[in-house]
N, C-alpha and C. Protein backbone atom coordinates (compact mmCIF):
# COMPACT_ATOMS: atom_id res chain seq x y z
N MET A 1 21.96 -1.69 -20.26
CA MET A 1 20.72 -1.22 -19.45
C MET A 1 19.69 -2.42 -19.25
N GLU A 2 19.28 -2.83 -18.17
CA GLU A 2 18.49 -3.78 -17.92
C GLU A 2 17.06 -2.83 -17.72
N SER A 3 15.81 -3.68 -17.89
CA SER A 3 14.70 -3.27 -17.55
C SER A 3 13.66 -4.25 -17.26
N SER A 4 12.47 -3.82 -16.79
CA SER A 4 11.51 -4.73 -16.28
C SER A 4 10.16 -3.85 -16.50
N ARG A 5 9.06 -4.87 -16.63
CA ARG A 5 7.73 -3.87 -16.63
C ARG A 5 6.88 -4.38 -15.29
N LEU A 6 6.21 -3.34 -14.96
CA LEU A 6 5.26 -3.01 -14.08
C LEU A 6 4.01 -3.86 -13.95
N THR A 7 3.80 -4.55 -13.07
CA THR A 7 2.34 -5.33 -13.05
C THR A 7 1.42 -4.32 -12.87
N SER A 8 0.15 -4.88 -12.83
CA SER A 8 -0.89 -4.05 -12.41
C SER A 8 -0.95 -3.63 -10.84
N LYS A 9 0.01 -4.45 -10.03
CA LYS A 9 0.24 -4.19 -8.50
C LYS A 9 1.29 -3.33 -8.34
N TYR A 10 1.87 -2.75 -9.30
CA TYR A 10 3.19 -1.93 -9.33
C TYR A 10 4.29 -2.70 -8.99
N GLN A 11 4.38 -4.14 -9.24
CA GLN A 11 5.76 -4.72 -8.89
C GLN A 11 6.42 -5.19 -10.15
N ALA A 12 7.71 -5.27 -9.99
CA ALA A 12 8.58 -5.54 -11.15
C ALA A 12 9.46 -6.61 -10.60
N THR A 13 10.11 -7.43 -11.60
CA THR A 13 10.87 -8.28 -11.35
C THR A 13 12.24 -7.63 -11.51
N ILE A 14 13.06 -8.07 -10.55
CA ILE A 14 14.52 -7.42 -10.81
C ILE A 14 15.34 -8.55 -11.77
N PRO A 15 15.65 -7.77 -12.79
CA PRO A 15 16.46 -9.06 -13.99
C PRO A 15 17.68 -9.51 -13.21
N LYS A 16 17.79 -10.81 -13.86
CA LYS A 16 19.06 -11.72 -13.38
C LYS A 16 20.19 -11.14 -13.00
N ARG A 17 20.59 -10.34 -14.46
CA ARG A 17 21.96 -9.78 -14.32
C ARG A 17 22.09 -8.97 -13.04
N VAL A 18 21.20 -8.16 -12.65
CA VAL A 18 21.26 -7.05 -11.57
C VAL A 18 21.18 -7.88 -10.11
N ARG A 19 20.41 -8.85 -10.03
CA ARG A 19 20.32 -9.86 -8.98
C ARG A 19 21.78 -10.51 -8.57
N GLU A 20 22.16 -10.94 -9.78
CA GLU A 20 23.68 -11.42 -9.67
C GLU A 20 24.83 -10.48 -9.20
N GLN A 21 24.55 -9.33 -9.77
CA GLN A 21 25.61 -8.21 -9.35
C GLN A 21 25.46 -7.58 -7.97
N LEU A 22 24.27 -7.84 -7.31
CA LEU A 22 23.80 -7.33 -5.97
C LEU A 22 23.82 -8.48 -5.21
N ALA A 23 24.11 -9.73 -5.56
CA ALA A 23 23.97 -11.15 -4.66
C ALA A 23 22.69 -10.95 -4.03
N LEU A 24 21.65 -10.90 -4.71
CA LEU A 24 20.25 -10.84 -4.18
C LEU A 24 19.77 -12.25 -4.08
N GLY A 25 19.05 -12.88 -3.16
CA GLY A 25 18.39 -13.99 -2.87
C GLY A 25 17.01 -13.73 -2.61
N ALA A 26 16.20 -14.73 -2.68
CA ALA A 26 14.84 -14.61 -2.14
C ALA A 26 14.84 -14.15 -0.72
N GLY A 27 13.78 -13.14 -0.27
CA GLY A 27 13.76 -12.86 0.89
C GLY A 27 14.82 -11.82 1.32
N ASP A 28 15.71 -11.41 0.70
CA ASP A 28 16.52 -10.29 0.98
C ASP A 28 15.76 -8.94 0.85
N ARG A 29 16.04 -7.85 1.38
CA ARG A 29 15.50 -6.61 1.30
C ARG A 29 16.34 -5.64 0.35
N VAL A 30 15.64 -4.68 -0.45
CA VAL A 30 16.31 -3.92 -1.03
C VAL A 30 15.76 -2.39 -0.77
N SER A 31 16.48 -1.35 -0.96
CA SER A 31 16.22 0.07 -0.86
C SER A 31 16.11 0.88 -1.92
N PHE A 32 15.39 1.58 -1.99
CA PHE A 32 15.23 2.96 -3.18
C PHE A 32 15.56 4.09 -2.70
N ARG A 33 16.39 4.66 -3.25
CA ARG A 33 16.74 6.21 -3.02
C ARG A 33 16.65 6.93 -4.40
N ILE A 34 16.24 8.11 -4.20
CA ILE A 34 16.08 9.09 -5.74
C ILE A 34 17.38 10.10 -5.52
N VAL A 35 18.22 9.97 -6.50
CA VAL A 35 19.32 10.90 -6.58
C VAL A 35 19.07 11.62 -8.00
N ARG A 36 19.03 12.90 -7.89
CA ARG A 36 19.15 13.79 -8.87
C ARG A 36 18.20 13.21 -9.94
N GLY A 37 16.93 12.99 -9.44
CA GLY A 37 15.70 12.32 -10.53
C GLY A 37 15.93 11.13 -10.92
N ARG A 38 16.90 10.16 -10.52
CA ARG A 38 17.00 8.69 -10.82
C ARG A 38 17.05 7.93 -9.59
N VAL A 39 16.58 6.75 -9.73
CA VAL A 39 16.36 5.63 -8.60
C VAL A 39 17.69 4.91 -8.48
N VAL A 40 17.99 4.69 -7.29
CA VAL A 40 19.23 3.79 -6.92
C VAL A 40 18.57 2.86 -6.41
N LEU A 41 18.91 1.62 -6.77
CA LEU A 41 18.35 0.34 -6.10
C LEU A 41 19.62 -0.28 -5.32
N GLU A 42 19.48 -0.37 -3.93
CA GLU A 42 20.65 -1.27 -3.10
C GLU A 42 20.26 -2.26 -2.34
N LYS A 43 21.07 -3.03 -1.99
CA LYS A 43 20.57 -4.37 -1.41
C LYS A 43 20.91 -3.76 0.05
N THR A 44 19.93 -3.92 0.94
CA THR A 44 19.85 -3.42 2.40
C THR A 44 20.30 -4.48 3.29
N PRO A 45 21.44 -4.18 3.97
CA PRO A 45 22.01 -4.90 4.90
C PRO A 45 21.18 -5.44 5.86
N ALA A 46 21.49 -6.94 6.46
CA ALA A 46 20.61 -7.73 7.21
C ALA A 46 20.05 -6.72 8.34
N HIS A 47 21.20 -5.93 8.96
CA HIS A 47 20.91 -4.89 10.11
C HIS A 47 21.07 -3.52 9.51
N ASP A 48 19.95 -2.93 8.90
CA ASP A 48 19.99 -1.61 8.15
C ASP A 48 20.46 -0.50 9.34
N PRO A 49 21.92 -0.12 8.95
CA PRO A 49 22.34 0.87 10.13
C PRO A 49 21.39 2.08 10.29
N SER A 50 20.94 2.71 9.21
CA SER A 50 20.19 3.90 9.39
C SER A 50 18.96 3.47 10.13
N TYR A 51 18.16 2.54 9.94
CA TYR A 51 16.89 2.16 10.82
C TYR A 51 17.68 1.97 12.27
N LEU A 52 18.65 1.17 12.53
CA LEU A 52 19.07 1.09 14.00
C LEU A 52 19.60 2.50 14.60
N GLU A 53 20.01 3.40 13.91
CA GLU A 53 20.42 4.65 14.49
C GLU A 53 19.07 5.47 14.72
N ALA A 54 18.03 5.39 13.86
CA ALA A 54 16.88 6.05 13.98
C ALA A 54 16.15 5.31 15.43
N MET A 55 16.24 4.02 15.47
CA MET A 55 15.72 3.70 16.68
C MET A 55 16.34 3.88 17.88
N GLU A 56 17.61 3.88 17.92
CA GLU A 56 18.25 4.40 19.28
C GLU A 56 18.13 5.96 19.25
N ARG A 57 17.85 6.77 18.34
CA ARG A 57 17.48 8.08 18.69
C ARG A 57 16.04 8.22 19.36
N VAL A 58 15.31 7.25 18.96
CA VAL A 58 13.78 7.14 19.50
C VAL A 58 13.99 6.65 20.90
N LEU A 59 14.61 5.60 21.17
CA LEU A 59 14.65 4.76 22.41
C LEU A 59 15.47 5.45 23.57
N ARG A 60 16.78 5.96 23.04
CA ARG A 60 17.45 6.34 24.08
C ARG A 60 17.17 7.41 25.06
N PRO A 61 16.28 8.42 24.72
CA PRO A 61 15.79 9.25 25.87
C PRO A 61 14.90 8.50 26.84
N GLU A 62 14.27 7.40 26.27
CA GLU A 62 13.23 6.73 27.10
C GLU A 62 13.88 5.67 27.95
N TRP A 63 14.78 4.91 27.32
CA TRP A 63 15.18 3.73 27.89
C TRP A 63 16.80 3.77 28.28
N GLY A 64 17.25 5.04 28.33
CA GLY A 64 18.74 5.19 28.53
C GLY A 64 19.15 5.87 29.64
N SER A 65 18.34 5.92 30.76
CA SER A 65 18.59 6.60 32.04
C SER A 65 19.60 5.91 32.92
N ALA A 66 20.40 6.32 33.60
CA ALA A 66 21.04 5.57 34.75
C ALA A 66 20.23 4.63 35.58
N THR A 67 19.18 5.09 35.87
CA THR A 67 18.10 3.87 36.52
C THR A 67 17.92 2.78 35.87
N ASP A 68 17.68 3.05 34.59
CA ASP A 68 17.58 1.87 33.53
C ASP A 68 18.63 1.10 33.61
N ASP A 69 19.78 1.74 33.29
CA ASP A 69 21.23 0.90 33.22
C ASP A 69 21.45 0.20 34.63
N ASP A 70 21.08 0.70 35.69
CA ASP A 70 21.33 -0.06 36.63
C ASP A 70 20.28 -1.14 37.17
N ALA A 71 19.18 -1.02 36.78
CA ALA A 71 18.07 -1.98 36.80
C ALA A 71 18.22 -3.11 35.68
N TYR A 72 19.00 -2.96 34.52
CA TYR A 72 19.03 -4.11 33.66
C TYR A 72 20.50 -4.43 33.53
N ALA A 73 21.33 -4.01 34.43
CA ALA A 73 22.93 -4.32 34.48
C ALA A 73 23.17 -5.92 34.66
N ASP A 74 22.45 -6.45 35.38
CA ASP A 74 22.57 -8.14 35.47
C ASP A 74 22.09 -8.77 34.30
N LEU A 75 21.35 -8.45 33.32
CA LEU A 75 20.84 -9.12 32.11
C LEU A 75 21.85 -9.69 31.30
């Protein structure tokens, strides 16, 4: 088990072994999920599918009409 200490700003260093296992590098994004009282840390894909799906649900009704499709068809 790996561990890290929180700073006064609630930041923690991800231990080297964990970074290596997840192939994490500077600038990569990570996600936190709580599963049955435990935190799961995951590398976030460059294009987070859940974010893209959420954005599509928000934008589709506004920008997904046949009129819009015709207007932007040549782009």
